[in-house]
Amino acid sequence: MRTLYSVTMLHPDGATTIVDYVDELGWRRHGFDASGGYLSVSPSGASALEQLRNDGSLALVHELRKAAEALTTALRDYELEAAATLTRSLASNLALIAPMAVGGSPAQAPASLRRDRRELLEWLARASGDAWSDKIRRLGQSSAHDRQEEARVSRAIDVLRASRERALRELAADRAGPA
């Protein structure tokens, strides 16, 4: 098992939550008390990252992007390893070995990982769009004299727009590819 993504969230009371994505188990949420004592682990979902909104929409979008990139890399690694294993098997004159002997067709990744990645991309697109709209409103309300705030919000708008567009492109490519 490999941890593909992990984020630590500190709480005002000193407690800590760690959210992990483990390749064979999916999302897991770990709780620690203020003294660092382990409280619990439980199955979770990407929704556990929602707490990052408290730190600002950019923090949530940033972590969603990192998680989506980690799951994308894991899918590619799985597909490359499956293809390499099949090629090695065929090269050693074991031509009768079926693709199922290497864990499935090289073009197919574990269904749960693919599904979780798609869900994460959909959430990234929504979170980026929501935050983008909020920043546009904020830009409209900012004082014409506060150039630094205007520049900060404009940069955030650019990042959020790019994040949303990237998520939508990846979703479209994913939907167009093999099921």
Protein backbone atom coordinates (compact mmCIF):
# COMPACT_ATOMS: atom_id res chain seq x y z
CA MET A 1 0.00 0.00 0.00
CA ARG A 2 1.12 3.53 -0.79
CA THR A 3 -0.10 6.85 0.50
CA LEU A 4 -0.72 8.86 -2.66
CA TYR A 5 -1.79 12.09 -0.98
CA SER A 6 -1.77 13.45 2.54
CA VAL A 7 -2.66 16.78 4.13
CA THR A 8 -2.44 17.86 7.75
CA MET A 9 -5.03 20.27 9.12
CA LEU A 10 -4.40 22.02 12.42
CA HIS A 11 -7.37 23.16 14.48
CA PRO A 12 -7.59 26.21 16.76
CA ASP A 13 -7.97 23.96 19.84
CA GLY A 14 -4.66 22.23 19.05
CA ALA A 15 -6.18 19.08 17.62
CA THR A 16 -5.01 17.77 14.25
CA THR A 17 -6.70 15.96 11.39
CA ILE A 18 -4.72 14.13 8.74
CA VAL A 19 -6.51 13.13 5.56
CA ASP A 20 -4.81 10.49 3.41
CA TYR A 21 -5.55 8.75 0.15
CA VAL A 22 -4.11 5.22 0.24
CA ASP A 23 -4.01 3.44 -3.12
CA GLU A 24 -5.72 0.24 -1.95
CA LEU A 25 -8.02 1.72 0.69
CA GLY A 26 -9.11 5.12 -0.62
CA TRP A 27 -9.66 8.10 1.66
CA ARG A 28 -8.84 7.83 5.38
CA ARG A 29 -9.24 10.45 8.09
CA HIS A 30 -7.01 10.34 11.19
CA GLY A 31 -7.77 12.36 14.32
CA PHE A 32 -5.29 13.49 16.97
CA ASP A 33 -6.01 15.40 20.17
CA ALA A 34 -4.21 18.57 21.26
CA SER A 35 -1.47 16.57 22.99
CA GLY A 36 -0.79 14.51 19.88
CA GLY A 37 -2.63 11.42 21.08
CA TYR A 38 -4.16 9.29 18.36
CA LEU A 39 -7.96 9.37 18.55
CA SER A 40 -9.26 7.46 15.56
CA VAL A 41 -9.06 6.52 11.93
CA SER A 42 -12.10 6.17 9.72
CA PRO A 43 -12.95 5.77 6.07
CA SER A 44 -13.63 9.14 4.55
CA GLY A 45 -13.98 10.97 1.29
CA ALA A 46 -12.54 14.04 -0.34
CA SER A 47 -15.19 15.98 1.56
CA ALA A 48 -12.90 15.76 4.61
CA LEU A 49 -10.89 18.49 2.89
CA GLU A 50 -13.84 20.88 3.20
CA GLN A 51 -12.32 22.18 6.45
CA LEU A 52 -9.67 23.89 4.31
CA ARG A 53 -12.30 26.43 3.25
CA ASN A 54 -11.82 27.97 6.69
CA ASP A 55 -8.27 28.87 5.62
CA GLY A 56 -9.59 30.34 2.39
CA SER A 57 -10.82 29.01 -0.90
CA LEU A 58 -7.32 29.03 -2.40
CA ALA A 59 -6.09 26.55 0.24
CA LEU A 60 -8.90 24.13 -0.64
CA VAL A 61 -8.35 24.48 -4.40
CA HIS A 62 -4.58 24.02 -3.96
CA GLU A 63 -5.00 20.76 -2.02
CA LEU A 64 -7.67 19.47 -4.39
CA ARG A 65 -5.27 20.09 -7.30
CA LYS A 66 -2.44 18.29 -5.49
CA ALA A 67 -4.70 15.33 -4.69
CA ALA A 68 -5.97 15.12 -8.29
CA GLU A 69 -2.38 15.20 -9.59
CA ALA A 70 -1.37 12.41 -7.19
CA LEU A 71 -4.27 10.20 -8.29
CA THR A 72 -3.54 10.93 -11.96
CA THR A 73 0.09 9.89 -11.47
CA ALA A 74 -1.00 6.72 -9.67
CA LEU A 75 -3.32 5.79 -12.56
CA ARG A 76 -0.54 6.30 -15.09
CA ASP A 77 1.89 4.27 -12.97
CA TYR A 78 -0.60 1.41 -12.73
CA GLU A 79 -1.19 1.42 -16.48
CA LEU A 80 2.55 1.55 -17.27
CA GLU A 81 3.33 -1.27 -14.84
CA ALA A 82 0.53 -3.44 -16.25
CA ALA A 83 1.78 -2.83 -19.80
CA ALA A 84 5.41 -3.52 -18.82
CA THR A 85 4.46 -6.75 -17.07
CA LEU A 86 2.50 -7.92 -20.08
CA THR A 87 5.39 -7.02 -22.41
CA ARG A 88 7.90 -8.90 -20.24
CA SER A 89 5.60 -11.93 -20.16
CA LEU A 90 5.19 -11.92 -23.93
CA ALA A 91 8.91 -11.34 -24.49
CA SER A 92 9.75 -14.44 -22.50
CA ASN A 93 7.74 -16.55 -24.99
CA LEU A 94 4.74 -16.93 -22.71
CA ALA A 95 2.41 -15.83 -25.46
CA LEU A 96 -0.55 -17.63 -23.94
CA ILE A 97 -0.64 -15.42 -20.87
CA ALA A 98 -3.82 -13.38 -20.90
CA PRO A 99 -3.93 -9.75 -19.78
CA MET A 100 -5.84 -10.86 -16.68
CA ALA A 101 -2.62 -12.49 -15.45
CA VAL A 102 -1.16 -9.04 -14.88
CA GLY A 103 -4.16 -7.60 -13.10
CA GLY A 104 -6.29 -6.57 -16.04
CA SER A 105 -5.86 -4.78 -19.32
CA PRO A 106 -3.05 -2.18 -19.36
CA ALA A 107 -5.61 0.43 -20.37
CA GLN A 108 -7.71 -0.16 -17.26
CA ALA A 109 -6.79 1.14 -13.84
CA PRO A 110 -8.50 0.11 -10.63
CA ALA A 111 -12.09 1.26 -10.89
CA SER A 112 -12.13 2.80 -7.42
CA LEU A 113 -9.06 4.93 -8.10
CA ARG A 114 -10.48 6.13 -11.40
CA ARG A 115 -13.85 6.89 -9.79
CA ASP A 116 -12.23 8.75 -6.86
CA ARG A 117 -10.10 10.80 -9.28
CA ARG A 118 -13.16 11.76 -11.31
CA GLU A 119 -15.05 12.77 -8.15
CA LEU A 120 -12.06 14.86 -7.07
CA LEU A 121 -11.87 16.61 -10.45
CA GLU A 122 -15.59 17.39 -10.35
CA TRP A 123 -15.23 18.84 -6.88
CA LEU A 124 -12.15 20.83 -7.95
CA ALA A 125 -14.11 22.33 -10.86
CA ARG A 126 -17.00 23.32 -8.53
CA ALA A 127 -14.76 24.66 -5.76
CA SER A 128 -12.69 26.67 -8.24
CA GLY A 129 -15.80 28.08 -9.89
CA ASP A 130 -17.37 29.03 -6.55
CA ALA A 131 -14.19 30.67 -5.31
CA TRP A 132 -13.69 32.41 -8.66
CA SER A 133 -17.18 33.95 -8.44
CA ASP A 134 -16.50 35.04 -4.87
CA LYS A 135 -13.20 36.69 -5.87
CA ILE A 136 -14.89 38.50 -8.80
CA ARG A 137 -17.45 39.93 -6.36
CA ARG A 138 -14.63 40.90 -4.00
CA LEU A 139 -12.76 42.62 -6.81
CA GLY A 140 -15.87 44.63 -7.66
CA GLN A 141 -16.22 45.71 -4.02
CA SER A 142 -12.56 46.61 -3.49
CA SER A 143 -11.51 50.19 -3.26
CA ALA A 144 -10.09 51.67 -6.44
CA HIS A 145 -7.23 53.03 -4.33
CA ASP A 146 -6.10 49.66 -2.93
CA ARG A 147 -3.85 48.47 -5.75
CA GLN A 148 -2.22 45.74 -3.66
CA GLU A 149 -5.56 44.15 -2.79
CA GLU A 150 -6.66 44.43 -6.41
CA ALA A 151 -3.45 42.71 -7.59
CA ARG A 152 -3.83 39.95 -4.95
CA VAL A 153 -7.43 39.24 -5.91
CA SER A 154 -6.61 39.36 -9.63
CA ARG A 155 -3.85 36.75 -9.17
CA ALA A 156 -6.24 34.56 -7.18
CA ILE A 157 -8.84 34.86 -9.96
CA ASP A 158 -6.26 33.74 -12.53
CA VAL A 159 -5.27 30.70 -10.42
CA LEU A 160 -8.88 29.72 -9.80
CA ARG A 161 -9.86 30.09 -13.47
CA ALA A 162 -6.87 27.98 -14.54
CA SER A 163 -7.70 25.34 -11.92
CA ARG A 164 -11.31 25.10 -13.08
CA GLU A 165 -10.33 24.91 -16.76
CA ARG A 166 -7.75 22.22 -16.07
CA ALA A 167 -10.21 20.12 -14.06
CA LEU A 168 -12.85 20.43 -16.80
CA ARG A 169 -10.30 19.45 -19.51
CA GLU A 170 -9.21 16.39 -17.52
CA LEU A 171 -12.82 15.39 -16.89
CA ALA A 172 -13.61 15.69 -20.59
CA ALA A 173 -10.57 13.60 -21.51
CA ASP A 174 -11.49 11.04 -18.87
CA ARG A 175 -15.05 10.75 -20.15
CA ALA A 176 -13.82 10.42 -23.75
CA GLY A 177 -11.36 7.65 -22.81
CA PRO A 178 -12.00 4.00 -22.03
CA ALA A 179 -14.61 3.32 -19.34
